Structure formats: C-alpha cells, structure tokens
C-alpha atoms as a PDB file:
ATOM      1  CA  MET A   1      10.386  -6.936 -30.782  1.00  0.00           C
ATOM      2  CA  ARG A   2       7.661  -5.569 -27.625  1.00  0.00           C
ATOM      3  CA  ILE A   3       8.381  -6.796 -24.361  1.00  0.00           C
ATOM      4  CA  LEU A   4       5.407  -6.942 -21.527  1.00  0.00           C
ATOM      5  CA  ILE A   5       6.723  -5.794 -18.140  1.00  0.00           C
ATOM      6  CA  GLY A   6       4.761  -7.119 -15.019  1.00  0.00           C
ATOM      7  CA  VAL A   7       2.947 -10.212 -17.210  1.00  0.00           C
ATOM      8  CA  PRO A   8       2.989 -13.637 -16.048  1.00  0.00           C
ATOM      9  CA  GLY A   9       4.603 -16.462 -17.122  1.00  0.00           C
ATOM     10  CA  LEU A  10       1.400 -18.372 -16.314  1.00  0.00           C
ATOM     11  CA  LEU A  11      -2.206 -17.140 -16.710  1.00  0.00           C
ATOM     12  CA  ILE A  12      -5.018 -19.743 -15.125  1.00  0.00           C
ATOM     13  CA  VAL A  13      -8.391 -18.328 -16.599  1.00  0.00           C
ATOM     14  CA  THR A  14     -11.445 -19.985 -14.542  1.00  0.00           C
ATOM     15  CA  SER A  15     -15.243 -19.219 -14.971  1.00  0.00           C
ATOM     16  CA  ALA A  16     -16.728 -21.723 -12.731  1.00  0.00           C
ATOM     17  CA  GLY A  17     -18.020 -20.554  -9.989  1.00  0.00           C
ATOM     18  CA  PRO A  18     -19.229 -22.038  -6.156  1.00  0.00           C
ATOM     19  CA  GLN A  19     -22.099 -24.164  -7.682  1.00  0.00           C
ATOM     20  CA  ASP A  20     -18.722 -26.780  -8.597  1.00  0.00           C
ATOM     21  CA  PRO A  21     -16.436 -26.169  -5.357  1.00  0.00           C
ATOM     22  CA  THR A  22     -13.805 -28.491  -7.066  1.00  0.00           C
ATOM     23  CA  ARG A  23     -13.631 -26.989 -10.416  1.00  0.00           C
ATOM     24  CA  ALA A  24     -13.506 -23.248  -8.790  1.00  0.00           C
ATOM     25  CA  SER A  25     -10.603 -24.416  -6.485  1.00  0.00           C
ATOM     26  CA  VAL A  26      -8.376 -26.051  -8.670  1.00  0.00           C
ATOM     27  CA  PRO A  27      -7.184 -23.291 -10.487  1.00  0.00           C
ATOM     28  CA  PHE A  28      -5.935 -21.503  -6.998  1.00  0.00           C
ATOM     29  CA  HIS A  29      -4.633 -25.431  -6.078  1.00  0.00           C
ATOM     30  CA  ILE A  30      -2.294 -25.185  -9.316  1.00  0.00           C
ATOM     31  CA  ALA A  31      -0.992 -21.656  -8.715  1.00  0.00           C
ATOM     32  CA  VAL A  32       0.094 -21.853  -5.042  1.00  0.00           C
ATOM     33  CA  ASN A  33       0.720 -25.571  -4.761  1.00  0.00           C
ATOM     34  CA  GLY A  34       2.043 -26.264  -8.044  1.00  0.00           C
ATOM     35  CA  ALA A  35       3.586 -23.033 -10.258  1.00  0.00           C
ATOM     36  CA  LYS A  36       4.498 -21.139  -7.652  1.00  0.00           C
ATOM     37  CA  PRO A  37       6.678 -23.692  -5.896  1.00  0.00           C
ATOM     38  CA  ALA A  38       8.024 -24.752  -8.947  1.00  0.00           C
ATOM     39  CA  GLY A  39       9.467 -21.087  -9.201  1.00  0.00           C
ATOM     40  CA  THR A  40       6.730 -20.031 -12.060  1.00  0.00           C
ATOM     41  CA  GLU A  41       5.341 -16.399 -12.126  1.00  0.00           C
ATOM     42  CA  VAL A  42       1.525 -17.023 -11.950  1.00  0.00           C
ATOM     43  CA  ALA A  43      -1.548 -15.640 -12.292  1.00  0.00           C
ATOM     44  CA  ILE A  44      -5.312 -16.225 -11.891  1.00  0.00           C
ATOM     45  CA  ALA A  45      -8.087 -14.207 -13.546  1.00  0.00           C
ATOM     46  CA  LEU A  46     -11.335 -14.927 -12.570  1.00  0.00           C
ATOM     47  CA  ALA A  47     -14.799 -14.355 -15.322  1.00  0.00           C
ATOM     48  CA  GLY A  48     -18.066 -14.840 -15.244  1.00  0.00           C
ATOM     49  CA  ASP A  49     -19.238 -16.937 -12.097  1.00  0.00           C
ATOM     50  CA  ALA A  50     -15.610 -17.365 -10.675  1.00  0.00           C
ATOM     51  CA  ALA A  51     -16.354 -13.665  -9.645  1.00  0.00           C
ATOM     52  CA  GLU A  52     -18.148 -14.814  -6.626  1.00  0.00           C
ATOM     53  CA  LEU A  53     -15.256 -16.683  -5.470  1.00  0.00           C
ATOM     54  CA  MET A  54     -14.018 -13.269  -4.181  1.00  0.00           C
ATOM     55  CA  LYS A  55     -16.895 -12.628  -1.555  1.00  0.00           C
ATOM     56  CA  PRO A  56     -15.874 -12.968   2.179  1.00  0.00           C
ATOM     57  CA  GLU A  57     -18.616 -15.886   2.513  1.00  0.00           C
ATOM     58  CA  VAL A  58     -18.399 -17.637  -0.374  1.00  0.00           C
ATOM     59  CA  ILE A  59     -14.615 -17.616   0.366  1.00  0.00           C
ATOM     60  CA  ALA A  60     -15.248 -19.419   4.096  1.00  0.00           C
ATOM     61  CA  ASN A  61     -17.521 -22.239   2.400  1.00  0.00           C
ATOM     62  CA  VAL A  62     -16.153 -23.730  -1.227  1.00  0.00           C
ATOM     63  CA  VAL A  63     -14.875 -27.232  -0.399  1.00  0.00           C
ATOM     64  CA  GLY A  64     -14.025 -28.835  -3.051  1.00  0.00           C
ATOM     65  CA  LEU A  65     -12.947 -32.989  -3.347  1.00  0.00           C
ATOM     66  CA  GLY A  66      -9.822 -33.689  -3.433  1.00  0.00           C
ATOM     67  CA  VAL A  67      -8.174 -29.727  -3.091  1.00  0.00           C
ATOM     68  CA  PRO A  68      -7.832 -27.760  -0.027  1.00  0.00           C
ATOM     69  CA  ARG A  69     -10.357 -25.511   0.883  1.00  0.00           C
ATOM     70  CA  LEU A  70     -10.314 -22.241  -0.606  1.00  0.00           C
ATOM     71  CA  ARG A  71     -10.015 -20.210   2.661  1.00  0.00           C
ATOM     72  CA  GLU A  72      -6.445 -22.199   2.643  1.00  0.00           C
ATOM     73  CA  LEU A  73      -5.313 -21.666  -0.756  1.00  0.00           C
ATOM     74  CA  MET A  74      -6.582 -17.991  -0.936  1.00  0.00           C
ATOM     75  CA  ASP A  75      -4.481 -17.485   2.035  1.00  0.00           C
ATOM     76  CA  LYS A  76      -1.406 -18.624   0.385  1.00  0.00           C
ATOM     77  CA  CYS A  77      -1.989 -16.912  -2.911  1.00  0.00           C
ATOM     78  CA  LEU A  78      -1.479 -13.700  -0.377  1.00  0.00           C
ATOM     79  CA  ASP A  79       1.723 -15.075   1.498  1.00  0.00           C
ATOM     80  CA  GLN A  80       2.793 -15.692  -2.582  1.00  0.00           C
ATOM     81  CA  ASP A  81       1.597 -12.786  -4.224  1.00  0.00           C
ATOM     82  CA  VAL A  82      -0.008 -14.627  -6.743  1.00  0.00           C
ATOM     83  CA  ARG A  83      -2.243 -12.017  -8.400  1.00  0.00           C
ATOM     84  CA  VAL A  84      -6.470 -12.396  -8.951  1.00  0.00           C
ATOM     85  CA  TYR A  85      -7.999 -10.579 -11.407  1.00  0.00           C
ATOM     86  CA  VAL A  86     -11.924  -9.928 -11.751  1.00  0.00           C
END
C-alpha cells in the first residue's frame, strides 16, 4: 500500500476561462465556501483556458452570476491555504 502525503482530499479540475465567468468562478466558490469550511482538504487545478485566471487583470474583472467576484474567491484561497495548480 502506498500513502500519498500532501495530496488533497478533493482536487477540483477546471478548464473554464474568463470567457465564461460563472463556470470559471464555481470551482473557487466550491473550494472556499463549501469544501474547506466543511473540513475537506481541497486544491484547484487549472487546465487550458483556465490558466488565464491567474493574470491579475483577469482576476480583477471576472464576475460570475450567483457567485462572489473572482477577486474575493482568490483572496479566500490565500487566506484558507487552498492550493491552485496551473
């Protein structure tokens, strides 16, 4: 049996970029307002177009429907030590 150390309990993988702000924001929303507060270790993996979400000018301007602004969600990721892989 092999034990993996440092592997999150939940890895959210997304490829949605800033062209679809709601879909782009949902993984961050689930991580910081759902999984982490519930005690689940969580990380987010950004693939394809989602890598654009790491640009400061993009973070500032992504606003989805029914979810907090990406800037707020990213700040919570930092505060809650949610890892983001690109």
